[in-house]
C-alpha cells in the first residue's frame, strides 16, 4: 500500500528490503511524546531512569476535510490523515526472589481417583 515512490537504498538491506526511508517528522513527534511522558513521570514523583515502555499503539483518527479548486470549476477533496498515538510507561520494579514454600499435596475427588485407577 505504501511502497510507491520510495527510492531504493542499500541501507535497507539490513532489514531484508530494497526500499527504505527515514521518517524524520514521525520520529520528532514520538521523541516529543517521550519527553512529555518523562515530565509527567517527574510530576508524579516516579523514577524516570527506571521507566520502560510497556505498550505503544498508533491508530487512525478522523480525517480532516478541505477542498482544493481545480480547472474548469471543479473541486477535489484535500484530506489529511492524522493519528492517535497511545503510549504506556511503567516503572520497572527491582527483582525480588520469591520465598520457598512447602509443597502441599494435591487433593483429588473420588471421581478423579477412580479415573486414575482405571489407567
Foldseek 3Di string as FASTA:
>chain_A
DPPPPFDFDPVCVVVVDGGDDDPPVVVVVVVVVLVVVLVVCVVVVHDSVQKDWPDKDKAKDDKDWDWDADPPGDIDTDIDIDIDIDIDIDGDDDDDDDDDDDDDDDDDDPVVVVVVVVD
